[in-house]
Protein backbone atom coordinates (compact mmCIF):
# COMPACT_ATOMS: atom_id res chain seq x y z
CA ASP A 1 -121.85 -6.44 -26.56
CA LEU A 2 -119.62 -4.44 -24.23
CA GLU A 3 -118.49 -7.67 -22.56
CA GLN A 4 -116.92 -8.68 -25.86
CA ILE A 5 -115.11 -5.33 -26.11
CA VAL A 6 -113.76 -5.81 -22.58
CA GLN A 7 -112.31 -9.21 -23.44
CA GLY A 8 -111.07 -8.31 -26.91
CA SER A 9 -109.87 -4.72 -26.55
CA CYS A 10 -109.49 -3.66 -22.92
CA TYR A 11 -107.12 -6.48 -22.00
CA PHE A 12 -103.87 -7.19 -23.78
CA ASN A 13 -104.31 -10.01 -26.26
CA PRO A 14 -101.00 -11.46 -27.48
CA ASN A 15 -102.66 -13.25 -30.37
CA ALA A 16 -104.37 -10.18 -31.82
CA THR A 17 -102.94 -7.67 -34.27
CA GLY A 18 -103.09 -3.94 -33.64
CA GLY A 19 -104.83 -2.38 -30.65
CA THR A 20 -103.86 -4.18 -27.46
CA GLY A 21 -102.56 -7.16 -29.42
CA GLY A 22 -98.96 -8.24 -29.79
CA VAL A 23 -96.32 -6.66 -27.58
CA ASN A 24 -97.18 -5.50 -24.08
CA PHE A 25 -95.53 -4.14 -20.95
CA TYR A 26 -95.50 -7.17 -18.67
CA HIS A 27 -91.74 -7.48 -18.25
CA ILE A 28 -90.14 -4.92 -20.50
CA THR A 29 -88.33 -3.00 -17.75
CA ASP A 30 -85.97 -5.79 -16.73
CA ILE A 31 -83.28 -4.33 -19.00
CA PHE A 32 -83.12 -1.32 -16.66
CA THR A 33 -82.54 -3.42 -13.54
CA ASP A 34 -79.64 -5.01 -11.72
CA ASN A 35 -81.04 -8.42 -12.69
CA ILE A 36 -79.54 -8.09 -16.18
CA GLN A 37 -75.94 -7.79 -17.34
CA CYS A 38 -74.30 -7.17 -20.70
CA ASN A 39 -71.96 -9.78 -22.19
CA GLY A 40 -71.11 -8.03 -25.45
CA VAL A 41 -71.75 -9.41 -28.93
CA GLY A 42 -70.62 -13.01 -29.29
CA THR A 43 -71.79 -13.64 -32.86
CA SER A 44 -72.80 -11.46 -35.80
CA SER A 45 -76.35 -12.72 -35.50
CA ASP A 46 -76.56 -11.16 -32.05
CA GLN A 47 -75.71 -7.66 -33.23
CA TYR A 48 -79.38 -6.78 -33.67
CA VAL A 49 -80.26 -8.14 -30.22
CA TYR A 50 -77.55 -5.94 -28.74
CA GLU A 51 -78.48 -2.81 -30.67
CA ASN A 52 -82.17 -3.26 -29.89
CA MET A 53 -81.57 -2.78 -26.17
CA ASP A 54 -78.18 -1.16 -25.53
CA ALA A 55 -79.55 2.39 -25.12
CA MET A 56 -82.16 1.20 -22.62
CA PHE A 57 -79.49 -0.72 -20.70
CA THR A 58 -77.61 2.55 -20.04
CA TRP A 59 -80.75 4.62 -19.43
CA ASP A 60 -79.89 6.81 -22.43
CA ILE A 61 -82.18 9.84 -22.79
CA ASN A 62 -82.39 8.98 -26.51
CA MET A 63 -83.39 5.35 -25.93
CA PHE A 64 -86.77 5.72 -27.63
CA ARG A 65 -85.55 7.65 -30.66
CA THR A 66 -84.54 6.22 -34.01
CA ASP A 67 -80.89 6.88 -33.11
CA GLY A 68 -81.42 4.90 -29.90
CA ASP A 69 -83.35 1.64 -29.65
CA GLY A 70 -86.32 2.99 -31.60
CA ASP A 71 -89.91 3.52 -30.53
CA LYS A 72 -91.11 0.82 -28.15
CA PRO A 73 -94.91 1.12 -28.33
CA GLN A 74 -95.48 -1.13 -25.32
CA PHE A 75 -94.17 1.60 -23.01
CA TYR A 76 -96.46 4.47 -24.03
CA ASN A 77 -98.76 3.68 -26.93
CA LYS A 78 -100.12 0.28 -25.88
CA PRO A 79 -101.24 1.30 -22.37
CA TYR A 80 -103.11 4.27 -23.83
CA VAL A 81 -104.79 1.98 -26.37
CA GLY A 82 -106.01 -0.11 -23.44
CA ILE A 83 -107.13 3.02 -21.59
CA GLY A 84 -109.03 4.16 -24.67
CA ALA A 85 -110.92 0.87 -24.82
CA CYS A 86 -111.73 1.14 -21.10
CA ASN A 87 -113.07 4.67 -21.66
CA VAL A 88 -115.39 3.41 -24.40
CA ILE A 89 -116.92 0.92 -21.97
CA LEU A 90 -117.33 3.53 -19.24
CA ASP A 91 -118.86 6.08 -21.62
CA TYR A 92 -121.45 3.70 -23.08
CA LEU A 93 -122.20 1.37 -20.18
CA ASP A 94 -125.20 3.32 -18.88
CA GLN A 95 -126.82 3.30 -22.32
CA MET A 96 -126.87 -0.51 -22.44
CA GLU A 97 -129.79 -2.68 -21.39
CA GLY A 98 -129.18 -5.81 -19.37
CA ASP A 99 -128.56 -7.24 -15.92
CA ARG A 100 -127.70 -4.44 -13.48
CA ASP A 101 -125.25 -6.51 -11.44
CA LEU A 102 -123.35 -7.49 -14.58
CA ARG A 103 -123.25 -3.87 -15.71
CA GLU A 104 -121.88 -2.66 -12.39
CA TYR A 105 -119.37 -5.49 -12.19
CA LEU A 106 -118.10 -4.57 -15.67
CA ARG A 107 -117.84 -0.95 -14.59
CA GLY A 108 -115.73 -1.94 -11.61
CA GLU A 109 -113.58 -4.27 -13.68
CA VAL A 110 -112.83 -1.65 -16.30
CA LEU A 111 -112.12 1.05 -13.71
CA ALA A 112 -109.57 -1.25 -12.06
CA LEU A 113 -108.01 -2.10 -15.42
CA ARG A 114 -107.72 1.57 -16.39
CA ALA A 115 -106.01 2.23 -13.06
CA TRP A 116 -103.62 -0.65 -13.77
CA TYR A 117 -102.57 0.94 -17.05
CA TYR A 118 -102.07 4.35 -15.46
CA PHE A 119 -100.08 2.79 -12.62
CA HIS A 120 -97.60 1.45 -15.16
CA LEU A 121 -97.51 4.65 -17.18
CA VAL A 122 -96.74 6.85 -14.18
CA ASN A 123 -94.06 4.39 -13.04
CA PHE A 124 -92.53 4.42 -16.52
CA PHE A 125 -92.50 8.17 -17.15
CA GLY A 126 -93.00 9.93 -13.82
CA LEU A 127 -90.57 10.17 -10.94
CA PRO A 128 -91.42 8.00 -7.91
CA TYR A 129 -94.04 9.39 -5.56
CA ASN A 130 -91.41 9.58 -2.81
CA SER A 131 -88.72 11.02 -5.10
CA THR A 132 -85.95 13.15 -3.61
CA ILE A 133 -86.37 15.39 -6.65
CA GLY A 134 -89.26 17.84 -6.44
CA SER A 135 -92.60 16.66 -5.07
CA PRO A 136 -95.51 14.60 -6.41
CA GLU A 137 -97.61 17.77 -6.50
CA GLU A 138 -95.24 19.36 -9.02
CA ASN A 139 -93.41 16.53 -10.81
CA PRO A 140 -94.97 15.68 -14.21
CA GLY A 141 -96.62 12.30 -14.58
CA VAL A 142 -98.58 11.40 -17.71
CA PRO A 143 -101.68 12.88 -19.38
CA LEU A 144 -104.96 11.68 -17.92
CA GLN A 145 -107.46 10.77 -20.62
CA LEU A 146 -110.73 9.83 -18.97
CA THR A 147 -113.22 9.89 -21.83
CA SER A 148 -113.43 8.29 -25.26
CA SER A 149 -114.42 11.62 -26.83
CA VAL A 150 -112.00 13.06 -29.36
CA VAL A 151 -110.62 16.44 -28.33
CA GLU A 152 -108.72 18.88 -30.50
CA ALA A 153 -106.45 20.35 -27.85
CA PRO A 154 -103.28 18.35 -27.12
CA ALA A 155 -103.08 16.95 -23.60
CA SER A 156 -100.43 18.14 -21.18
CA ARG A 157 -98.92 15.96 -18.45
CA ASN A 158 -100.81 15.74 -15.18
CA THR A 159 -98.72 15.69 -12.03
CA VAL A 160 -97.59 12.48 -10.39
CA LYS A 161 -100.02 13.13 -7.53
CA GLU A 162 -102.94 13.74 -9.88
CA VAL A 163 -102.27 10.46 -11.66
CA TYR A 164 -102.00 8.54 -8.39
CA ASP A 165 -105.21 10.17 -7.13
CA GLN A 166 -106.95 8.91 -10.27
CA ILE A 167 -105.44 5.45 -9.85
CA LEU A 168 -106.65 5.21 -6.26
CA GLY A 169 -110.10 6.53 -7.14
CA ASP A 170 -110.54 4.07 -9.99
CA LEU A 171 -109.12 1.10 -8.09
CA THR A 172 -111.08 1.74 -4.91
CA ARG A 173 -114.37 2.17 -6.75
CA GLY A 174 -113.59 -0.77 -8.98
CA PHE A 175 -112.92 -2.99 -5.95
CA GLN A 176 -116.16 -1.90 -4.31
CA LEU A 177 -118.29 -2.41 -7.41
CA MET A 178 -116.86 -5.84 -8.15
CA SER A 179 -117.36 -6.85 -4.51
CA GLU A 180 -120.96 -5.64 -4.34
CA HIS A 181 -122.02 -7.01 -7.75
CA TYR A 182 -119.82 -10.10 -7.87
CA PHE A 183 -119.51 -12.34 -10.90
CA ASP A 184 -116.97 -15.13 -11.20
CA LYS A 185 -115.13 -14.30 -14.42
CA GLY A 186 -112.21 -16.68 -13.84
CA ILE A 187 -108.53 -16.03 -13.29
CA TYR A 188 -107.99 -14.29 -16.65
CA ARG A 189 -110.24 -11.39 -15.66
CA LEU A 190 -109.89 -8.89 -12.82
CA SER A 191 -111.77 -9.59 -9.60
CA PRO A 192 -112.17 -8.03 -6.16
CA LYS A 193 -109.17 -9.96 -4.84
CA SER A 194 -106.86 -8.89 -7.70
CA ALA A 195 -108.03 -5.26 -7.38
CA ALA A 196 -107.27 -5.39 -3.65
CA ALA A 197 -103.82 -6.79 -4.45
CA MET A 198 -103.25 -3.89 -6.83
CA LEU A 199 -104.26 -1.46 -4.08
CA SER A 200 -101.78 -3.11 -1.72
CA ARG A 201 -99.06 -2.60 -4.33
CA VAL A 202 -100.03 1.03 -5.00
CA TYR A 203 -100.11 1.92 -1.31
CA LEU A 204 -96.65 0.41 -0.92
CA CYS A 205 -95.45 2.93 -3.53
CA LEU A 206 -97.21 5.72 -1.62
CA GLU A 207 -95.60 4.55 1.66
CA ASP A 208 -99.02 4.25 3.28
CA TRP A 209 -98.12 1.16 5.25
CA ASP A 210 -101.44 0.78 7.07
CA LYS A 211 -103.49 0.68 3.88
CA ALA A 212 -100.97 -1.60 2.16
CA ILE A 213 -101.45 -4.00 5.08
CA ALA A 214 -105.24 -3.59 5.12
CA TYR A 215 -105.65 -4.45 1.45
CA ALA A 216 -103.19 -7.34 1.77
CA ASP A 217 -105.34 -8.64 4.62
CA THR A 218 -108.38 -8.35 2.36
CA VAL A 219 -106.72 -10.35 -0.41
CA LEU A 220 -105.57 -13.09 1.92
CA SER A 221 -109.06 -13.35 3.39
CA TYR A 222 -110.20 -14.28 -0.14
CA GLN A 223 -107.25 -16.51 -0.99
CA SER A 224 -104.11 -17.29 0.99
CA GLY A 225 -102.57 -20.41 -0.59
CA LEU A 226 -98.98 -20.75 -1.78
CA LEU A 227 -97.58 -23.40 -4.09
CA ASP A 228 -95.11 -25.48 -2.09
CA LEU A 229 -92.12 -26.10 -4.35
CA ASN A 230 -90.96 -28.81 -1.92
CA THR A 231 -93.77 -31.01 -3.18
CA GLU A 232 -92.67 -30.74 -6.81
CA GLU A 233 -90.12 -32.95 -8.56
CA LEU A 234 -86.82 -31.23 -9.26
CA PRO A 235 -85.71 -31.15 -12.90
CA ASP A 236 -83.01 -33.64 -13.87
CA LEU A 237 -80.48 -31.20 -15.32
CA ALA A 238 -78.58 -34.03 -17.00
CA THR A 239 -81.55 -34.73 -19.26
CA SER A 240 -83.85 -31.70 -19.11
CA LEU A 241 -83.17 -28.01 -18.64
CA ASP A 242 -86.81 -27.04 -18.09
CA ALA A 243 -88.63 -27.03 -14.77
CA PRO A 244 -91.76 -29.23 -14.82
CA VAL A 245 -93.98 -26.91 -12.77
CA THR A 246 -95.22 -23.35 -12.69
CA VAL A 247 -96.90 -21.13 -10.12
CA TYR A 248 -99.00 -19.87 -13.02
CA ASN A 249 -100.39 -23.24 -14.05
CA PRO A 250 -104.13 -22.61 -14.65
CA SER A 251 -104.92 -26.20 -13.67
CA GLU A 252 -103.26 -25.64 -10.28
CA PRO A 253 -104.05 -22.00 -9.45
CA THR A 254 -103.02 -22.22 -5.80
CA GLU A 255 -101.71 -18.67 -5.62
CA ILE A 256 -102.98 -17.05 -8.82
CA LEU A 257 -105.10 -13.95 -8.23
CA TRP A 258 -105.07 -12.78 -11.84
CA VAL A 259 -103.17 -13.98 -14.89
CA ARG A 260 -102.74 -12.81 -18.48
CA GLU A 261 -100.89 -14.18 -21.46
CA TYR A 262 -98.16 -12.03 -22.92
CA SER A 263 -95.89 -11.79 -25.93
CA PRO A 264 -92.16 -11.93 -25.12
CA THR A 265 -90.22 -8.88 -26.24
CA THR A 266 -86.76 -9.52 -24.85
CA ILE A 267 -84.06 -12.20 -24.85
CA TYR A 268 -81.97 -12.68 -21.72
CA THR A 269 -79.96 -15.89 -22.18
CA LYS A 270 -76.33 -16.67 -21.50
CA PRO A 271 -75.26 -18.95 -24.36
CA ASN A 272 -76.64 -18.82 -27.87
CA SER A 273 -75.09 -21.79 -29.60
CA GLY A 274 -71.95 -23.66 -28.75
CA ASP A 275 -69.87 -21.50 -26.44
CA ALA A 276 -70.98 -18.09 -27.75
CA VAL A 277 -72.64 -15.75 -25.26
CA THR A 278 -75.65 -13.60 -26.00
CA PRO A 279 -75.64 -9.86 -25.26
CA TRP A 280 -78.00 -9.94 -22.27
CA SER A 281 -78.30 -12.42 -19.44
CA VAL A 282 -79.13 -12.99 -15.79
CA SER A 283 -76.67 -10.91 -13.78
CA ASP A 284 -73.97 -12.69 -11.82
CA GLU A 285 -75.25 -10.92 -8.70
CA LEU A 286 -78.75 -12.33 -9.09
CA SER A 287 -77.37 -15.82 -9.76
CA ALA A 288 -75.16 -15.62 -6.68
CA SER A 289 -78.16 -14.72 -4.51
CA LEU A 290 -79.86 -17.95 -5.63
CA PHE A 291 -76.91 -20.36 -5.36
CA GLU A 292 -75.66 -19.61 -1.86
CA GLY A 293 -71.96 -19.54 -2.68
CA TYR A 294 -71.98 -22.10 -5.50
CA THR A 295 -72.15 -21.64 -9.26
CA ALA A 296 -74.86 -22.99 -11.52
CA THR A 297 -72.37 -25.50 -12.92
CA GLN A 298 -71.47 -26.77 -9.44
CA VAL A 299 -75.10 -27.15 -8.48
CA ALA A 300 -75.86 -29.02 -11.71
CA THR A 301 -72.85 -31.36 -11.69
CA SER A 302 -71.43 -31.72 -8.16
CA PRO A 303 -73.32 -34.01 -5.73
CA GLY A 304 -72.12 -32.03 -2.73
CA ALA A 305 -73.08 -28.64 -4.13
CA THR A 306 -76.76 -27.84 -3.74
CA THR A 307 -78.86 -24.77 -3.22
CA THR A 308 -81.78 -24.83 -0.85
CA ASP A 309 -83.52 -22.01 -2.74
CA LEU A 310 -85.85 -23.95 -5.03
CA ARG A 311 -86.58 -20.89 -7.15
CA ALA A 312 -83.23 -21.46 -8.83
CA TYR A 313 -84.71 -24.66 -10.29
CA PHE A 314 -88.30 -23.63 -10.92
CA TYR A 315 -88.22 -19.92 -11.76
CA PHE A 316 -85.55 -20.10 -14.45
CA GLN A 317 -84.71 -22.20 -17.44
CA TRP A 318 -81.24 -23.73 -17.37
CA THR A 319 -78.88 -24.02 -20.28
CA ARG A 320 -75.68 -26.00 -20.84
CA MET A 321 -72.83 -24.87 -23.07
CA ASN A 322 -70.62 -27.22 -25.10
CA ASN A 323 -67.87 -26.97 -22.51
CA GLY A 324 -70.21 -28.28 -19.81
CA THR A 325 -70.80 -24.92 -18.14
CA TYR A 326 -74.33 -24.26 -16.90
CA TYR A 327 -76.13 -20.93 -16.71
CA LEU A 328 -79.56 -19.71 -15.74
CA VAL A 329 -81.75 -18.29 -18.47
CA PHE A 330 -83.85 -15.29 -17.52
CA PRO A 331 -87.53 -16.26 -17.24
CA ASP A 332 -88.77 -15.14 -20.65
CA LYS A 333 -91.69 -17.43 -19.84
CA PRO A 334 -91.83 -16.68 -16.11
CA MET A 335 -92.27 -19.82 -14.05
CA ASN A 336 -94.19 -21.19 -16.96
CA ARG A 337 -92.64 -24.15 -18.69
CA ALA A 338 -95.09 -26.92 -17.89
CA GLY A 339 -96.40 -27.41 -21.40
CA ALA A 340 -98.39 -25.71 -24.11
CA GLU A 341 -101.51 -25.38 -21.96
CA ASN A 342 -99.82 -22.62 -19.97
CA GLY A 343 -98.44 -20.41 -22.73
CA ARG A 344 -96.56 -17.36 -21.49
CA THR A 345 -98.22 -15.68 -18.55
CA HIS A 346 -97.78 -12.96 -15.97
CA GLY A 347 -100.07 -11.88 -13.22
CA ILE A 348 -100.56 -11.18 -9.57
CA ARG A 349 -100.06 -13.84 -6.90
CA THR A 350 -100.55 -14.30 -3.21
CA ALA A 351 -96.75 -14.52 -2.85
CA GLU A 352 -96.46 -10.84 -3.72
CA VAL A 353 -99.22 -9.96 -1.27
CA TYR A 354 -97.37 -11.66 1.59
CA LEU A 355 -94.25 -9.73 0.62
CA ASN A 356 -96.19 -6.45 0.44
CA ARG A 357 -97.56 -6.99 3.91
CA ALA A 358 -94.22 -8.10 5.35
CA GLU A 359 -92.45 -5.03 4.01
CA ALA A 360 -95.16 -2.70 5.29
CA TYR A 361 -94.87 -4.23 8.77
CA ILE A 362 -91.08 -3.85 8.67
CA ARG A 363 -91.36 -0.21 7.60
CA LYS A 364 -93.78 0.40 10.49
CA ALA A 365 -91.36 -1.34 12.84
CA ILE A 366 -88.52 0.92 11.72
CA GLU A 367 -90.65 4.03 12.13
CA GLY A 368 -91.68 2.80 15.59
CA GLY A 369 -88.15 2.27 16.86
CA ASN A 370 -87.85 -1.42 15.99
CA ASP A 371 -91.33 -2.29 17.27
CA ALA A 372 -91.10 -6.01 18.14
CA SER A 373 -94.77 -6.77 17.36
CA PHE A 374 -94.45 -5.52 13.79
CA VAL A 375 -91.16 -7.35 13.35
CA GLN A 376 -92.84 -10.60 14.40
CA LYS A 377 -95.74 -10.12 12.00
CA ALA A 378 -93.28 -9.54 9.16
CA LEU A 379 -91.31 -12.62 10.20
CA ASP A 380 -94.49 -14.70 10.14
CA ASP A 381 -95.20 -13.68 6.54
CA LEU A 382 -91.62 -14.12 5.35
CA ASN A 383 -91.20 -17.50 7.05
CA LEU A 384 -94.47 -18.73 5.59
CA LEU A 385 -93.39 -17.79 2.06
CA ARG A 386 -89.82 -19.05 2.47
CA SER A 387 -91.02 -22.38 3.85
CA HIS A 388 -92.69 -22.93 0.46
CA ARG A 389 -89.54 -21.93 -1.45
CA TYR A 390 -86.58 -23.48 0.41
CA MET A 391 -85.55 -27.06 1.05
CA ASN A 392 -85.01 -28.10 4.68
CA TYR A 393 -86.13 -24.66 5.76
CA THR A 394 -85.06 -23.20 9.09
CA PRO A 395 -87.26 -20.23 10.05
CA LEU A 396 -85.72 -16.80 10.27
CA ASP A 397 -85.36 -15.24 13.70
CA VAL A 398 -84.11 -11.76 12.85
CA GLN A 399 -85.18 -9.15 15.36
CA ASP A 400 -83.49 -6.10 13.83
CA ALA A 401 -85.99 -4.40 11.51
CA SER A 402 -83.38 -2.84 9.21
CA GLN A 403 -81.68 -6.20 8.69
CA LEU A 404 -85.05 -7.82 8.09
CA LEU A 405 -85.88 -5.17 5.47
CA ASP A 406 -82.79 -6.16 3.47
CA ILE A 407 -83.92 -9.80 3.62
CA CYS A 408 -87.44 -8.88 2.55
CA LEU A 409 -86.26 -6.85 -0.44
CA THR A 410 -83.98 -9.71 -1.49
CA GLU A 411 -86.92 -12.09 -1.27
CA ARG A 412 -88.97 -9.73 -3.46
CA ARG A 413 -86.16 -9.66 -6.00
CA LYS A 414 -85.99 -13.46 -6.24
CA GLU A 415 -89.68 -14.26 -5.87
CA LEU A 416 -90.94 -11.69 -8.40
CA VAL A 417 -88.06 -11.96 -10.88
CA GLY A 418 -89.04 -11.11 -14.44
CA GLU A 419 -92.63 -10.58 -13.40
CA MET A 420 -94.89 -7.56 -14.02
CA ASN A 421 -92.05 -4.98 -13.84
CA ASN A 422 -91.75 -5.52 -10.09
CA ARG A 423 -87.98 -5.18 -9.81
CA TRP A 424 -87.78 -1.85 -11.66
CA PHE A 425 -90.66 -0.43 -9.67
CA ASP A 426 -89.04 -1.61 -6.40
CA ILE A 427 -85.74 -0.02 -7.43
CA ARG A 428 -87.53 3.27 -8.06
CA ARG A 429 -89.52 3.46 -4.84
CA CYS A 430 -86.61 2.23 -2.68
CA GLY A 431 -84.10 4.61 -4.27
CA ILE A 432 -81.67 1.82 -5.24
CA THR A 433 -78.73 2.84 -7.43
CA TYR A 434 -76.09 0.76 -9.22
CA SER A 435 -74.03 0.77 -12.43
CA HIS A 436 -74.45 -0.87 -15.82
CA THR A 437 -71.45 -1.68 -17.99
CA LYS A 438 -71.99 -2.45 -21.65
CA PHE A 439 -69.46 -3.39 -24.31
CA ALA A 440 -69.84 -4.37 -27.92
CA HIS A 441 -66.18 -5.16 -28.64
CA VAL A 442 -63.09 -5.88 -26.60
CA GLY A 443 -61.75 -2.67 -25.11
CA GLU A 444 -64.96 -0.73 -25.78
CA GLU A 445 -66.66 -0.47 -22.40
CA VAL A 446 -69.19 2.09 -21.24
CA THR A 447 -70.15 2.27 -17.56
CA VAL A 448 -73.12 4.39 -16.51
CA ASP A 449 -74.32 5.04 -12.97
CA LEU A 450 -78.06 4.98 -12.38
CA LYS A 451 -79.10 8.34 -10.96
CA PRO A 452 -82.48 9.03 -9.29
CA GLY A 453 -83.49 11.28 -12.19
CA MET A 454 -83.21 8.32 -14.56
CA TYR A 455 -86.08 6.57 -12.78
CA ALA A 456 -88.34 8.60 -15.09
CA LEU A 457 -87.91 7.17 -18.59
CA PRO A 458 -87.89 9.55 -21.56
CA ILE A 459 -91.21 9.83 -23.36
CA PRO A 460 -90.88 8.15 -26.79
CA GLN A 461 -90.18 10.56 -29.62
CA ALA A 462 -93.19 9.27 -31.56
CA ALA A 463 -95.47 10.43 -28.73
CA MET A 464 -93.66 13.78 -28.49
CA ASP A 465 -94.15 14.32 -32.23
CA ARG A 466 -97.89 13.72 -31.91
CA ASN A 467 -98.43 15.95 -28.88
CA SER A 468 -96.80 19.36 -28.71
CA GLU A 469 -97.83 19.78 -25.05
CA LEU A 470 -95.69 16.92 -23.75
CA ILE A 471 -92.61 17.96 -21.78
CA GLN A 472 -89.63 15.62 -22.01
CA ASN A 473 -87.91 14.22 -18.91
CA VAL A 474 -84.47 15.32 -20.11
CA ILE A 475 -84.15 17.78 -17.22
CA TYR A 476 -83.78 14.90 -14.77
CA TYR A 477 -80.94 13.21 -16.61
CA TYR A 478 -78.29 15.90 -16.25
């Protein structure tokens, strides 16, 4: 009985209504990142698309109010719905009769899933663990609700450290239970290897490089494959604008550790119809990093202009305007255009784990005065990944750790584009700042600089209205 609740209520289900159905948080933070740019409103039909996201694009403290972009339940409400379902399982599991190993595996699975939800919540609404503002022991995170019991008293915000302590406790125990009482639930359910990958990601945020490496090692001992894009047929952009392959193809799960379907909530395309542009698109900076000095149009139409980075072909949809200009379309269906069998999916892949481990080694190298052994280990991971992503690949031989870190972070940006909020979370933990310029009409431009305090999103007004104990993040914005 509880197994059915796990599948139907604990996980996001894009085909369900209410609860964890419908919208979810799998790539909703891209609007905050330097991967997206504003093009203004090209047609009257795009006015709503613009107004639905313009406050988020400029990190407006009122973004989740009715006078901003309105309540976005996938940021705050939906994760807590999932947490509530996980708490039901944990509260009732010991009262159920049945196979002990299955019971303990379910316990581990649900603990890991609850940690996953809290990891996103604290990265939405709390400052980064390594923030230059305050400390994790004092900065507010999100309320911890660890039981399904109804309580009368409103819940105040636990600190960032308290939330991370809970995340680590749940994930570590979940990993252990699933390992000791293993059941093969398939790639759509959490497993020991996906929980270990989550731990690698969390420890990267905590700057605990040794544990990030250790859990990456654990994952790669389970599964280490990478899909080699060199073995796939390139799309013929004269006849088709969709890539024929996906790293999330369930029938070829070379690097999938865990995958879930999702419901798209955003539109990031360059043209709409004819020569009209849509309000939000792939940033010129991100495109330039993929095309190595060329434009998308040159790559698509000029025989001598090619990019060796195959992700430009396979990780994006392409589109062609009436005037023959080509643009990349942001991966609304990330790496997932190989037919109806794949739907829209996000997940965790071995590619990220290699990047986690490479970055941790580089950080250790920097702390150790450019330690050559750590630099080489990072190079090994980066070259392995890049050899599966570039044509005619020549291995990197960069011995300066700081320079290699820049390369690694660029690889993360391109490899994990549009996927599981990775770019926004990387921006937060790395302290990256930049500007966003939005304009609705000619001559009406607004440029806003991203400040470290804006890494903590404002709690939606709907949640504030329900809970008088919540403290808003407005103090960080000014």
